[in-house]
Each structure stands twice: as structure tokens, then as C-alpha cells.
Amino acid sequence: QAALLRAVTQWQRVAAWGRPLHGLCCSARDPRRWVGSRPPTLKETPSDTETEKFQMVYRFGAIRVFGFLSRLKVAQTALTVVALPPGFYLYTQGLMSLGSLCLMGGIAGFALAMLCWMSHFFRRLVGILYVNESGTVLRVAHLTFWGSRQDTCCPVADVIPLMETRDRPQEVFVRIQQYSGKQTFYLSMRYGCILDRERFTQVFG
């Protein structure tokens, strides 16, 4: 995961060479366009937070690339699995050997396993963090299985401060955990950009 993140970040830096400064990852302009053009879906969002204003406190610029990789992996796995029935038909007609059919099955199984592993990580990778004006609700923007954006809200009081976890800020990823144990997210302190350090410290210590 760390090697993949370093490769994606380096690619993004090369692609961004020569662009104006407002296009860098630390920019807070138009944050809802980081994954596709569809509006984000809300999950576990209290009704009273829908009209409340949220302040962006953290942004991970490479999340767009990870969203593209997630959609690409889903499409690649689907094509691999769809090729199995025609392969089995060719085998029954004597046009394909058993070894070739087993190879296709192995490739499809490996693609499914990799999809599950990558999806487990990508769906927990934080793209943007928001905190409401009163400092009581944390909104986490992350990826879905299909590579689109999804917002999840949780009470700030339920977030475990980083000093109470075993993770170190110098690591590539640190975990955002909750006392209730509902869901765990992965935050990149090394490659992400803290936009509001005061609010960020109030949440994570």
C-alpha cells in the first residue's frame, strides 16, 4: 500500500508540473469534483447536519487517482470473469485445452482476490475531512466500491485521538478509529495536506 501510494503521488506531481498553483492538492477550490461528476452520497448522516456548514480541515489530492484505479480494477475483474463461460464452452467443444481453462480460472480468481483487497483499502482511504462549525461532527469523504465519493459522518466525541492509538504521524497511513468500533479509515499524514490545523488538532489531538 505504501509503495502504491508513493507511486501515485509521484505520478501526480509529474502530471501537475507546469500547472498554476491553484491546481495543487492543498487547494480547497471545488472539493466535490475529486471523484467523478456524480454528487456524493451520504451515509450515517444525521438530519440536523445536512443544513449545517462544514469547514474543510484536510485534503488528500491523490484520491482522484485512487478512484480511477478502483473503477479500472472493477472493469478489469468483470471482463476476466465474463470470459470464463466462453472459455468453458470452447473447452467442451474441444477447442481449448484443460490447462488453458484452468489458467483462465486462476487469473479470474486472482483478479477477484485483488479486487477484494484493493476495495477493502480504497473504501477506507480518506480524501477530505470536514468539521462542522460547532466542532461536534466529523464528515469523512472516502471512496465507494465503484470508485465514486461517499460521505460518512460521525460524532467528534466518538473519534479516538491519535495519541491514544499505536499509530505514529510519521507513518504513511494512520487509522481514524472510533470508540464505538463502527468503522476505521486510513489517513495519510505524510502525503495529505492539513488545511485547518487548529480544527484538525481539536479532533485528533
N, C-alpha and C. Protein backbone atom coordinates (compact mmCIF):
# COMPACT_ATOMS: atom_id res chain seq x y z
N GLN A 1 0.83 -1.21 0.00
CA GLN A 1 0.00 0.00 0.00
C GLN A 1 0.86 1.26 0.00
N ALA A 2 1.96 1.22 0.80
CA ALA A 2 2.84 2.38 0.87
C ALA A 2 3.52 2.62 -0.46
N ALA A 3 3.99 1.53 -1.11
CA ALA A 3 4.64 1.68 -2.41
C ALA A 3 3.68 2.20 -3.46
N LEU A 4 2.41 1.71 -3.44
CA LEU A 4 1.40 2.18 -4.38
C LEU A 4 1.12 3.65 -4.17
N LEU A 5 1.04 4.09 -2.90
CA LEU A 5 0.76 5.49 -2.61
C LEU A 5 1.91 6.37 -3.07
N ARG A 6 3.15 5.95 -2.86
CA ARG A 6 4.29 6.75 -3.31
C ARG A 6 4.32 6.87 -4.82
N ALA A 7 3.99 5.76 -5.53
CA ALA A 7 3.98 5.80 -6.99
C ALA A 7 2.89 6.74 -7.51
N VAL A 8 1.70 6.67 -6.92
CA VAL A 8 0.60 7.54 -7.34
C VAL A 8 0.91 8.99 -7.07
N THR A 9 1.51 9.27 -5.90
CA THR A 9 1.83 10.65 -5.55
C THR A 9 2.89 11.22 -6.48
N GLN A 10 3.90 10.42 -6.81
CA GLN A 10 4.93 10.89 -7.73
C GLN A 10 4.36 11.14 -9.11
N TRP A 11 3.46 10.25 -9.58
CA TRP A 11 2.83 10.44 -10.88
C TRP A 11 2.03 11.72 -10.89
N GLN A 12 1.34 11.99 -9.78
CA GLN A 12 0.51 13.19 -9.71
C GLN A 12 1.37 14.44 -9.74
N ARG A 13 2.54 14.38 -9.08
CA ARG A 13 3.42 15.55 -9.10
C ARG A 13 3.95 15.82 -10.49
N VAL A 14 4.28 14.77 -11.23
CA VAL A 14 4.77 14.96 -12.60
C VAL A 14 3.67 15.51 -13.49
N ALA A 15 2.43 14.99 -13.32
CA ALA A 15 1.31 15.45 -14.14
C ALA A 15 0.96 16.90 -13.84
N ALA A 16 1.20 17.30 -12.58
CA ALA A 16 0.84 18.67 -12.18
C ALA A 16 1.92 19.68 -12.51
N TRP A 17 3.07 19.24 -13.07
CA TRP A 17 4.16 20.16 -13.38
C TRP A 17 3.71 21.18 -14.43
N GLY A 18 3.93 22.42 -14.11
CA GLY A 18 3.58 23.47 -15.05
C GLY A 18 2.19 24.00 -14.88
N ARG A 19 1.38 23.37 -14.00
CA ARG A 19 0.03 23.87 -13.78
C ARG A 19 0.08 25.06 -12.83
N PRO A 20 -0.95 25.91 -12.82
CA PRO A 20 -0.98 27.02 -11.87
C PRO A 20 -1.10 26.50 -10.45
N LEU A 21 -0.73 27.36 -9.50
CA LEU A 21 -0.68 26.94 -8.10
C LEU A 21 -2.03 26.53 -7.56
N HIS A 22 -3.11 27.10 -8.07
CA HIS A 22 -4.42 26.75 -7.51
C HIS A 22 -4.82 25.33 -7.87
N GLY A 23 -4.07 24.64 -8.69
CA GLY A 23 -4.40 23.27 -9.03
C GLY A 23 -3.74 22.24 -8.15
N LEU A 24 -2.94 22.67 -7.17
CA LEU A 24 -2.25 21.73 -6.31
C LEU A 24 -3.20 21.10 -5.32
N CYS A 25 -2.71 20.05 -4.60
CA CYS A 25 -3.58 19.26 -3.74
C CYS A 25 -4.05 20.04 -2.53
N CYS A 26 -3.34 21.07 -2.15
CA CYS A 26 -3.72 21.82 -0.96
C CYS A 26 -4.83 22.81 -1.23
N SER A 27 -5.25 22.91 -2.47
CA SER A 27 -6.30 23.86 -2.82
C SER A 27 -7.65 23.36 -2.34
N ALA A 28 -8.46 24.26 -1.82
CA ALA A 28 -9.79 23.89 -1.35
C ALA A 28 -10.87 24.23 -2.35
N ARG A 29 -10.46 24.58 -3.57
CA ARG A 29 -11.43 25.01 -4.57
C ARG A 29 -12.14 23.80 -5.18
N ASP A 30 -13.45 23.87 -5.22
CA ASP A 30 -14.28 22.83 -5.83
C ASP A 30 -13.94 21.44 -5.32
N PRO A 31 -14.04 21.17 -4.01
CA PRO A 31 -13.62 19.88 -3.45
C PRO A 31 -14.51 18.73 -3.87
N ARG A 32 -15.70 18.97 -4.34
CA ARG A 32 -16.61 17.88 -4.65
C ARG A 32 -16.33 17.25 -6.01
N ARG A 33 -15.30 17.69 -6.71
CA ARG A 33 -15.02 17.15 -8.03
C ARG A 33 -13.87 16.17 -8.01
N TRP A 34 -13.45 15.72 -6.80
CA TRP A 34 -12.26 14.87 -6.76
C TRP A 34 -12.52 13.46 -7.20
N VAL A 35 -13.76 13.02 -7.27
CA VAL A 35 -14.07 11.69 -7.79
C VAL A 35 -15.28 11.78 -8.69
N GLY A 36 -15.05 11.78 -10.01
CA GLY A 36 -16.17 11.77 -10.95
C GLY A 36 -16.99 13.04 -10.90
N SER A 37 -18.14 12.98 -11.56
CA SER A 37 -19.02 14.13 -11.61
C SER A 37 -20.32 13.91 -10.87
N ARG A 38 -20.51 12.69 -10.34
CA ARG A 38 -21.76 12.42 -9.63
C ARG A 38 -21.72 13.01 -8.23
N PRO A 39 -22.86 13.48 -7.71
CA PRO A 39 -22.86 14.05 -6.37
C PRO A 39 -22.60 12.98 -5.34
N PRO A 40 -21.95 13.34 -4.21
CA PRO A 40 -21.63 12.34 -3.20
C PRO A 40 -22.87 11.86 -2.49
N THR A 41 -22.83 10.61 -2.07
CA THR A 41 -23.91 10.05 -1.27
C THR A 41 -23.56 10.19 0.20
N LEU A 42 -24.58 10.29 1.03
CA LEU A 42 -24.38 10.45 2.46
C LEU A 42 -24.69 9.15 3.18
N LYS A 43 -23.89 8.83 4.17
CA LYS A 43 -24.06 7.62 4.94
C LYS A 43 -23.94 7.96 6.41
N GLU A 44 -24.89 7.49 7.19
CA GLU A 44 -24.90 7.73 8.62
C GLU A 44 -24.82 9.23 8.92
N THR A 45 -25.55 10.02 8.16
CA THR A 45 -25.54 11.47 8.33
C THR A 45 -26.80 11.91 9.07
N PRO A 46 -26.67 12.49 10.27
CA PRO A 46 -27.84 12.98 10.98
C PRO A 46 -28.53 14.06 10.18
N SER A 47 -29.85 14.14 10.32
CA SER A 47 -30.63 15.10 9.53
C SER A 47 -30.28 16.53 9.88
N ASP A 48 -29.84 16.79 11.13
CA ASP A 48 -29.56 18.17 11.52
C ASP A 48 -28.23 18.67 10.97
N THR A 49 -27.41 17.78 10.38
CA THR A 49 -26.14 18.21 9.81
C THR A 49 -26.23 18.52 8.33
N GLU A 50 -27.37 18.23 7.70
CA GLU A 50 -27.49 18.45 6.27
C GLU A 50 -27.49 19.93 5.91
N THR A 51 -28.01 20.77 6.80
CA THR A 51 -28.06 22.20 6.54
C THR A 51 -26.97 22.95 7.27
N GLU A 52 -26.15 22.27 8.06
CA GLU A 52 -25.09 22.93 8.82
C GLU A 52 -23.84 23.08 7.94
N LYS A 53 -23.12 24.14 8.14
CA LYS A 53 -21.92 24.39 7.36
C LYS A 53 -20.74 23.61 7.94
N PHE A 54 -19.92 23.06 7.02
CA PHE A 54 -18.74 22.30 7.40
C PHE A 54 -17.49 22.98 6.86
N GLN A 55 -16.43 22.93 7.64
CA GLN A 55 -15.15 23.51 7.25
C GLN A 55 -14.18 22.39 6.88
N MET A 56 -13.57 22.51 5.70
CA MET A 56 -12.59 21.51 5.28
C MET A 56 -11.31 21.68 6.09
N VAL A 57 -10.84 20.59 6.68
CA VAL A 57 -9.65 20.64 7.51
C VAL A 57 -8.50 19.80 6.95
N TYR A 58 -8.81 18.88 6.03
CA TYR A 58 -7.77 18.01 5.47
C TYR A 58 -8.16 17.61 4.06
N ARG A 59 -7.14 17.47 3.19
CA ARG A 59 -7.39 17.07 1.80
C ARG A 59 -6.25 16.20 1.31
N PHE A 60 -6.61 15.10 0.64
CA PHE A 60 -5.64 14.19 0.04
C PHE A 60 -5.80 14.27 -1.47
N GLY A 61 -4.88 14.96 -2.13
CA GLY A 61 -5.04 15.26 -3.55
C GLY A 61 -5.03 14.05 -4.46
N ALA A 62 -4.34 12.98 -4.07
CA ALA A 62 -4.21 11.80 -4.94
C ALA A 62 -5.45 10.91 -4.92
N ILE A 63 -6.50 11.30 -4.22
CA ILE A 63 -7.69 10.45 -4.11
C ILE A 63 -8.36 10.27 -5.47
N ARG A 64 -8.23 11.23 -6.38
CA ARG A 64 -8.81 11.08 -7.71
C ARG A 64 -8.17 9.91 -8.44
N VAL A 65 -6.85 9.78 -8.29
CA VAL A 65 -6.15 8.69 -8.96
C VAL A 65 -6.60 7.35 -8.40
N PHE A 66 -6.76 7.27 -7.08
CA PHE A 66 -7.21 6.03 -6.47
C PHE A 66 -8.64 5.69 -6.88
N GLY A 67 -9.47 6.70 -7.07
CA GLY A 67 -10.82 6.45 -7.56
C GLY A 67 -10.80 5.88 -8.97
N PHE A 68 -9.91 6.41 -9.81
CA PHE A 68 -9.78 5.88 -11.17
C PHE A 68 -9.26 4.44 -11.14
N LEU A 69 -8.28 4.16 -10.29
CA LEU A 69 -7.75 2.80 -10.17
C LEU A 69 -8.81 1.83 -9.68
N SER A 70 -9.67 2.29 -8.78
CA SER A 70 -10.73 1.43 -8.27
C SER A 70 -11.72 1.06 -9.37
N ARG A 71 -12.14 2.05 -10.18
CA ARG A 71 -13.05 1.76 -11.28
C ARG A 71 -12.39 0.88 -12.33
N LEU A 72 -11.10 1.14 -12.57
CA LEU A 72 -10.37 0.33 -13.55
C LEU A 72 -10.27 -1.12 -13.10
N LYS A 73 -10.05 -1.33 -11.81
CA LYS A 73 -9.93 -2.70 -11.29
C LYS A 73 -11.27 -3.42 -11.37
N VAL A 74 -12.36 -2.73 -11.10
CA VAL A 74 -13.68 -3.35 -11.22
C VAL A 74 -13.95 -3.77 -12.65
N ALA A 75 -13.63 -2.89 -13.61
CA ALA A 75 -13.86 -3.22 -15.01
C ALA A 75 -12.97 -4.39 -15.46
N GLN A 76 -11.72 -4.40 -15.03
CA GLN A 76 -10.80 -5.47 -15.41
C GLN A 76 -11.25 -6.82 -14.84
N THR A 77 -11.71 -6.81 -13.60
CA THR A 77 -12.18 -8.05 -12.98
C THR A 77 -13.45 -8.55 -13.67
N ALA A 78 -14.35 -7.63 -14.01
CA ALA A 78 -15.59 -8.02 -14.69
C ALA A 78 -15.28 -8.67 -16.04
N LEU A 79 -14.36 -8.10 -16.79
CA LEU A 79 -14.01 -8.66 -18.09
C LEU A 79 -13.38 -10.05 -17.94
N THR A 80 -12.56 -10.21 -16.90
CA THR A 80 -11.91 -11.50 -16.67
C THR A 80 -12.92 -12.59 -16.32
N VAL A 81 -13.88 -12.25 -15.47
CA VAL A 81 -14.89 -13.23 -15.05
C VAL A 81 -15.84 -13.55 -16.20
N VAL A 82 -16.21 -12.53 -16.99
CA VAL A 82 -17.13 -12.74 -18.11
C VAL A 82 -16.51 -13.66 -19.17
N ALA A 83 -15.18 -13.69 -19.25
CA ALA A 83 -14.51 -14.54 -20.24
C ALA A 83 -14.54 -16.02 -19.86
N LEU A 84 -14.92 -16.35 -18.63
CA LEU A 84 -14.92 -17.75 -18.20
C LEU A 84 -15.97 -18.60 -18.92
N PRO A 85 -17.24 -18.19 -19.03
CA PRO A 85 -18.24 -19.03 -19.72
C PRO A 85 -17.86 -19.33 -21.18
N PRO A 86 -17.42 -18.35 -21.98
CA PRO A 86 -16.97 -18.71 -23.32
C PRO A 86 -15.79 -19.68 -23.32
N GLY A 87 -14.90 -19.52 -22.35
CA GLY A 87 -13.78 -20.44 -22.27
C GLY A 87 -14.22 -21.86 -21.95
N PHE A 88 -15.19 -21.98 -21.06
CA PHE A 88 -15.72 -23.31 -20.74
C PHE A 88 -16.43 -23.93 -21.94
N TYR A 89 -17.12 -23.09 -22.70
CA TYR A 89 -17.80 -23.59 -23.89
C TYR A 89 -16.78 -24.10 -24.92
N LEU A 90 -15.71 -23.34 -25.11
CA LEU A 90 -14.67 -23.77 -26.04
C LEU A 90 -14.02 -25.07 -25.58
N TYR A 91 -13.91 -25.24 -24.26
CA TYR A 91 -13.33 -26.48 -23.74
C TYR A 91 -14.24 -27.67 -24.02
N THR A 92 -15.55 -27.49 -23.85
CA THR A 92 -16.48 -28.59 -24.11
C THR A 92 -16.53 -28.95 -25.60
N GLN A 93 -16.20 -27.99 -26.46
CA GLN A 93 -16.19 -28.25 -27.90
C GLN A 93 -14.83 -28.76 -28.38
N GLY A 94 -13.91 -28.92 -27.45
CA GLY A 94 -12.59 -29.41 -27.80
C GLY A 94 -11.69 -28.38 -28.45
N LEU A 95 -12.06 -27.10 -28.34
CA LEU A 95 -11.26 -26.04 -28.95
C LEU A 95 -10.29 -25.40 -27.98
N MET A 96 -10.33 -25.82 -26.71
CA MET A 96 -9.43 -25.29 -25.70
C MET A 96 -8.99 -26.41 -24.78
N SER A 97 -7.74 -26.40 -24.40
CA SER A 97 -7.21 -27.45 -23.54
C SER A 97 -7.61 -27.21 -22.09
N LEU A 98 -7.52 -28.26 -21.28
CA LEU A 98 -7.86 -28.14 -19.86
C LEU A 98 -6.89 -27.20 -19.15
N GLY A 99 -5.63 -27.22 -19.55
CA GLY A 99 -4.65 -26.33 -18.94
C GLY A 99 -4.97 -24.87 -19.18
N SER A 100 -5.41 -24.55 -20.40
CA SER A 100 -5.77 -23.17 -20.70
C SER A 100 -6.99 -22.73 -19.91
N LEU A 101 -7.96 -23.65 -19.76
CA LEU A 101 -9.16 -23.32 -18.98
C LEU A 101 -8.81 -23.10 -17.51
N CYS A 102 -7.94 -23.94 -16.97
CA CYS A 102 -7.51 -23.77 -15.58
C CYS A 102 -6.75 -22.46 -15.40
N LEU A 103 -5.95 -22.09 -16.40
CA LEU A 103 -5.23 -20.82 -16.34
C LEU A 103 -6.20 -19.64 -16.32
N MET A 104 -7.24 -19.71 -17.13
CA MET A 104 -8.24 -18.64 -17.12
C MET A 104 -8.95 -18.56 -15.78
N GLY A 105 -9.27 -19.72 -15.21
CA GLY A 105 -9.91 -19.73 -13.90
C GLY A 105 -9.00 -19.17 -12.82
N GLY A 106 -7.70 -19.50 -12.90
CA GLY A 106 -6.76 -18.95 -11.92
C GLY A 106 -6.62 -17.45 -12.02
N ILE A 107 -6.58 -16.95 -13.26
CA ILE A 107 -6.48 -15.50 -13.45
C ILE A 107 -7.73 -14.80 -12.92
N ALA A 108 -8.90 -15.39 -13.19
CA ALA A 108 -10.15 -14.79 -12.69
C ALA A 108 -10.20 -14.81 -11.17
N GLY A 109 -9.75 -15.92 -10.56
CA GLY A 109 -9.74 -15.99 -9.10
C GLY A 109 -8.78 -14.99 -8.49
N PHE A 110 -7.60 -14.84 -9.10
CA PHE A 110 -6.63 -13.86 -8.61
C PHE A 110 -7.17 -12.44 -8.75
N ALA A 111 -7.85 -12.16 -9.87
CA ALA A 111 -8.41 -10.83 -10.07
C ALA A 111 -9.49 -10.52 -9.03
N LEU A 112 -10.31 -11.51 -8.70
CA LEU A 112 -11.33 -11.31 -7.67
C LEU A 112 -10.70 -11.06 -6.31
N ALA A 113 -9.66 -11.82 -5.98
CA ALA A 113 -8.98 -11.64 -4.70
C ALA A 113 -8.35 -10.25 -4.60
N MET A 114 -7.71 -9.81 -5.68
CA MET A 114 -7.10 -8.49 -5.69
C MET A 114 -8.15 -7.40 -5.61
N LEU A 115 -9.30 -7.61 -6.25
CA LEU A 115 -10.38 -6.63 -6.17
C LEU A 115 -10.87 -6.48 -4.74
N CYS A 116 -11.03 -7.60 -4.04
CA CYS A 116 -11.48 -7.55 -2.64
C CYS A 116 -10.47 -6.82 -1.77
N TRP A 117 -9.18 -7.11 -1.97
CA TRP A 117 -8.14 -6.48 -1.17
C TRP A 117 -8.06 -4.98 -1.45
N MET A 118 -8.04 -4.60 -2.72
CA MET A 118 -7.95 -3.19 -3.09
C MET A 118 -9.19 -2.43 -2.66
N SER A 119 -10.36 -3.05 -2.81
CA SER A 119 -11.59 -2.38 -2.42
C SER A 119 -11.64 -2.16 -0.91
N HIS A 120 -11.15 -3.15 -0.14
CA HIS A 120 -11.13 -3.00 1.32
C HIS A 120 -10.29 -1.80 1.73
N PHE A 121 -9.18 -1.57 1.02
CA PHE A 121 -8.31 -0.44 1.34
C PHE A 121 -8.85 0.87 0.78
N PHE A 122 -9.24 0.87 -0.49
CA PHE A 122 -9.68 2.11 -1.13
C PHE A 122 -10.94 2.68 -0.47
N ARG A 123 -11.86 1.81 -0.04
CA ARG A 123 -13.11 2.29 0.57
C ARG A 123 -12.87 2.94 1.93
N ARG A 124 -11.70 2.75 2.50
CA ARG A 124 -11.37 3.34 3.80
C ARG A 124 -10.34 4.45 3.71
N LEU A 125 -9.93 4.77 2.48
CA LEU A 125 -8.93 5.82 2.29
C LEU A 125 -9.61 7.19 2.30
N VAL A 126 -9.13 8.08 3.16
CA VAL A 126 -9.75 9.39 3.34
C VAL A 126 -9.31 10.34 2.24
N GLY A 127 -10.27 11.00 1.60
CA GLY A 127 -9.98 12.01 0.61
C GLY A 127 -10.05 13.42 1.19
N ILE A 128 -11.12 13.70 1.93
CA ILE A 128 -11.32 15.02 2.54
C ILE A 128 -11.94 14.83 3.92
N LEU A 129 -11.55 15.67 4.85
CA LEU A 129 -12.14 15.70 6.18
C LEU A 129 -12.79 17.07 6.41
N TYR A 130 -14.00 17.06 6.94
CA TYR A 130 -14.71 18.28 7.29
C TYR A 130 -15.08 18.24 8.77
N VAL A 131 -15.18 19.40 9.37
CA VAL A 131 -15.68 19.54 10.74
C VAL A 131 -16.72 20.64 10.73
N ASN A 132 -17.84 20.43 11.42
CA ASN A 132 -18.88 21.46 11.45
C ASN A 132 -18.44 22.64 12.30
N GLU A 133 -19.20 23.72 12.23
CA GLU A 133 -18.81 24.97 12.90
C GLU A 133 -18.74 24.81 14.41
N SER A 134 -19.60 23.98 14.96
CA SER A 134 -19.59 23.78 16.41
C SER A 134 -18.53 22.78 16.86
N GLY A 135 -17.89 22.11 15.91
CA GLY A 135 -16.82 21.18 16.25
C GLY A 135 -17.30 19.88 16.87
N THR A 136 -18.51 19.46 16.55
CA THR A 136 -19.08 18.26 17.16
C THR A 136 -19.23 17.10 16.18
N VAL A 137 -19.17 17.37 14.87
CA VAL A 137 -19.39 16.32 13.87
C VAL A 137 -18.22 16.32 12.89
N LEU A 138 -17.70 15.14 12.62
CA LEU A 138 -16.65 14.94 11.62
C LEU A 138 -17.25 14.28 10.39
N ARG A 139 -17.03 14.88 9.23
CA ARG A 139 -17.50 14.30 7.97
C ARG A 139 -16.30 13.79 7.19
N VAL A 140 -16.34 12.51 6.83
CA VAL A 140 -15.24 11.86 6.13
C VAL A 140 -15.68 11.58 4.70
N ALA A 141 -14.97 12.12 3.74
CA ALA A 141 -15.22 11.83 2.32
C ALA A 141 -14.25 10.74 1.87
N HIS A 142 -14.80 9.62 1.43
CA HIS A 142 -13.99 8.48 1.04
C HIS A 142 -14.59 7.84 -0.20
N LEU A 143 -14.00 6.75 -0.67
CA LEU A 143 -14.44 6.09 -1.89
C LEU A 143 -15.44 4.98 -1.60
N THR A 144 -16.26 4.68 -2.60
CA THR A 144 -17.14 3.52 -2.53
C THR A 144 -16.48 2.37 -3.31
N PHE A 145 -17.15 1.23 -3.33
CA PHE A 145 -16.65 0.08 -4.08
C PHE A 145 -16.47 0.40 -5.55
N TRP A 146 -17.32 1.27 -6.10
CA TRP A 146 -17.29 1.61 -7.52
C TRP A 146 -16.38 2.79 -7.82
N GLY A 147 -15.68 3.31 -6.83
CA GLY A 147 -14.74 4.40 -7.06
C GLY A 147 -15.34 5.78 -7.01
N SER A 148 -16.61 5.91 -6.63
CA SER A 148 -17.23 7.22 -6.51
C SER A 148 -17.09 7.71 -5.06
N ARG A 149 -17.58 8.90 -4.81
CA ARG A 149 -17.42 9.51 -3.50
C ARG A 149 -18.58 9.18 -2.58
N GLN A 150 -18.27 9.04 -1.29
CA GLN A 150 -19.28 8.84 -0.27
C GLN A 150 -18.86 9.58 1.00
N ASP A 151 -19.81 10.26 1.62
CA ASP A 151 -19.57 10.99 2.86
C ASP A 151 -20.13 10.21 4.04
N THR A 152 -19.33 10.08 5.08
CA THR A 152 -19.76 9.42 6.31
C THR A 152 -19.53 10.37 7.47
N CYS A 153 -20.55 10.58 8.28
CA CYS A 153 -20.45 11.48 9.43
C CYS A 153 -20.41 10.68 10.73
N CYS A 154 -19.64 11.17 11.67
CA CYS A 154 -19.57 10.55 12.99
C CYS A 154 -19.33 11.64 14.03
N PRO A 155 -19.77 11.44 15.27
CA PRO A 155 -19.52 12.44 16.31
C PRO A 155 -18.03 12.57 16.62
N VAL A 156 -17.57 13.78 16.82
CA VAL A 156 -16.17 14.00 17.16
C VAL A 156 -15.83 13.33 18.49
N ALA A 157 -16.80 13.28 19.41
CA ALA A 157 -16.55 12.64 20.70
C ALA A 157 -16.29 11.15 20.58
N ASP A 158 -16.71 10.55 19.45
CA ASP A 158 -16.50 9.11 19.25
C ASP A 158 -15.18 8.80 18.55
N VAL A 159 -14.47 9.84 18.09
CA VAL A 159 -13.20 9.65 17.39
C VAL A 159 -12.08 9.49 18.41
N ILE A 160 -11.28 8.45 18.25
CA ILE A 160 -10.15 8.20 19.15
C ILE A 160 -9.00 9.11 18.75
N PRO A 161 -8.46 9.94 19.65
CA PRO A 161 -7.30 10.78 19.32
C PRO A 161 -6.11 9.94 18.90
N LEU A 162 -5.28 10.51 18.02
CA LEU A 162 -4.14 9.76 17.51
C LEU A 162 -3.15 9.39 18.60
N MET A 163 -3.07 10.22 19.64
CA MET A 163 -2.13 9.93 20.73
C MET A 163 -2.55 8.70 21.53
N GLU A 164 -3.80 8.29 21.41
CA GLU A 164 -4.28 7.12 22.14
C GLU A 164 -4.19 5.84 21.31
N THR A 165 -3.70 5.95 20.09
CA THR A 165 -3.55 4.78 19.22
C THR A 165 -2.07 4.42 19.11
N ARG A 166 -1.82 3.29 18.49
CA ARG A 166 -0.44 2.83 18.29
C ARG A 166 0.20 3.43 17.04
N ASP A 167 -0.59 4.11 16.23
CA ASP A 167 -0.07 4.69 15.00
C ASP A 167 0.74 5.95 15.30
N ARG A 168 1.75 6.18 14.47
CA ARG A 168 2.58 7.36 14.58
C ARG A 168 2.32 8.28 13.39
N PRO A 169 2.31 9.60 13.61
CA PRO A 169 2.04 10.52 12.50
C PRO A 169 3.06 10.41 11.37
N GLN A 170 4.28 9.90 11.65
CA GLN A 170 5.30 9.79 10.63
C GLN A 170 5.04 8.63 9.67
N GLU A 171 4.14 7.72 10.02
CA GLU A 171 3.85 6.58 9.16
C GLU A 171 3.08 7.03 7.92
N VAL A 172 3.13 6.18 6.88
CA VAL A 172 2.44 6.53 5.63
C VAL A 172 0.94 6.65 5.88
N PHE A 173 0.38 5.73 6.65
CA PHE A 173 -1.04 5.76 6.97
C PHE A 173 -1.25 5.67 8.48
N VAL A 174 -2.18 6.46 8.97
CA VAL A 174 -2.65 6.33 10.34
C VAL A 174 -4.14 6.05 10.30
N ARG A 175 -4.63 5.38 11.30
CA ARG A 175 -6.04 4.97 11.31
C ARG A 175 -6.90 5.98 12.06
N ILE A 176 -8.06 6.27 11.48
CA ILE A 176 -9.10 7.03 12.18
C ILE A 176 -10.06 6.00 12.76
N GLN A 177 -10.02 5.85 14.07
CA GLN A 177 -10.83 4.84 14.74
C GLN A 177 -11.88 5.50 15.62
N GLN A 178 -12.92 4.76 15.92
CA GLN A 178 -14.00 5.24 16.77
C GLN A 178 -14.11 4.36 18.01
N TYR A 179 -14.48 4.96 19.12
CA TYR A 179 -14.67 4.20 20.35
C TYR A 179 -15.75 3.14 20.17
N SER A 180 -16.74 3.46 19.35
CA SER A 180 -17.82 2.51 19.11
C SER A 180 -17.39 1.37 18.20
N GLY A 181 -16.25 1.52 17.51
CA GLY A 181 -15.74 0.48 16.63
C GLY A 181 -16.55 0.31 15.35
N LYS A 182 -17.32 1.32 14.96
CA LYS A 182 -18.19 1.19 13.79
C LYS A 182 -17.38 1.05 12.50
N GLN A 183 -16.43 1.94 12.28
CA GLN A 183 -15.70 1.93 11.02
C GLN A 183 -14.32 2.54 11.21
N THR A 184 -13.34 2.05 10.46
CA THR A 184 -11.97 2.53 10.51
C THR A 184 -11.59 3.08 9.14
N PHE A 185 -10.96 4.26 9.14
CA PHE A 185 -10.49 4.88 7.92
C PHE A 185 -8.98 5.01 7.98
N TYR A 186 -8.37 5.19 6.78
CA TYR A 186 -6.93 5.36 6.68
C TYR A 186 -6.62 6.78 6.22
N LEU A 187 -5.76 7.44 6.99
CA LEU A 187 -5.41 8.84 6.73
C LEU A 187 -3.91 8.93 6.45
N SER A 188 -3.54 9.63 5.40
CA SER A 188 -2.13 9.81 5.05
C SER A 188 -1.67 11.17 5.52
N MET A 189 -0.94 11.20 6.64
CA MET A 189 -0.41 12.45 7.16
C MET A 189 0.79 12.91 6.34
N ARG A 190 1.52 11.96 5.74
CA ARG A 190 2.73 12.31 5.01
C ARG A 190 2.42 12.94 3.66
N TYR A 191 1.41 12.44 2.97
CA TYR A 191 1.11 12.91 1.63
C TYR A 191 -0.14 13.78 1.57
N GLY A 192 -0.88 13.87 2.65
CA GLY A 192 -2.06 14.72 2.68
C GLY A 192 -1.72 16.14 3.09
N CYS A 193 -2.70 17.02 3.06
CA CYS A 193 -2.50 18.44 3.36
C CYS A 193 -3.52 18.88 4.41
N ILE A 194 -3.02 19.32 5.57
CA ILE A 194 -3.88 19.84 6.63
C ILE A 194 -4.16 21.31 6.33
N LEU A 195 -5.42 21.64 6.13
CA LEU A 195 -5.81 23.00 5.75
C LEU A 195 -6.16 23.86 6.96
N ASP A 196 -6.68 23.26 8.01
CA ASP A 196 -7.04 23.98 9.23
C ASP A 196 -6.45 23.20 10.40
N ARG A 197 -5.24 23.55 10.80
CA ARG A 197 -4.53 22.78 11.82
C ARG A 197 -5.21 22.87 13.17
N GLU A 198 -5.84 24.01 13.47
CA GLU A 198 -6.49 24.17 14.78
C GLU A 198 -7.66 23.21 14.92
N ARG A 199 -8.54 23.19 13.92
CA ARG A 199 -9.68 22.27 13.98
C ARG A 199 -9.23 20.81 13.90
N PHE A 200 -8.21 20.56 13.11
CA PHE A 200 -7.70 19.20 12.99
C PHE A 200 -7.19 18.71 14.35
N THR A 201 -6.49 19.57 15.07
CA THR A 201 -5.96 19.20 16.38
C THR A 201 -7.09 18.99 17.38
N GLN A 202 -8.14 19.77 17.28
CA GLN A 202 -9.27 19.61 18.19
C GLN A 202 -9.92 18.24 18.05
N VAL A 203 -9.87 17.67 16.84
CA VAL A 203 -10.49 16.37 16.61
C VAL A 203 -9.54 15.23 16.96
N PHE A 204 -8.31 15.30 16.48
CA PHE A 204 -7.38 14.18 16.58
C PHE A 204 -6.29 14.36 17.64
N GLY A 205 -6.25 15.51 18.27
CA GLY A 205 -5.25 15.71 19.32
C GLY A 205 -3.88 16.08 18.78
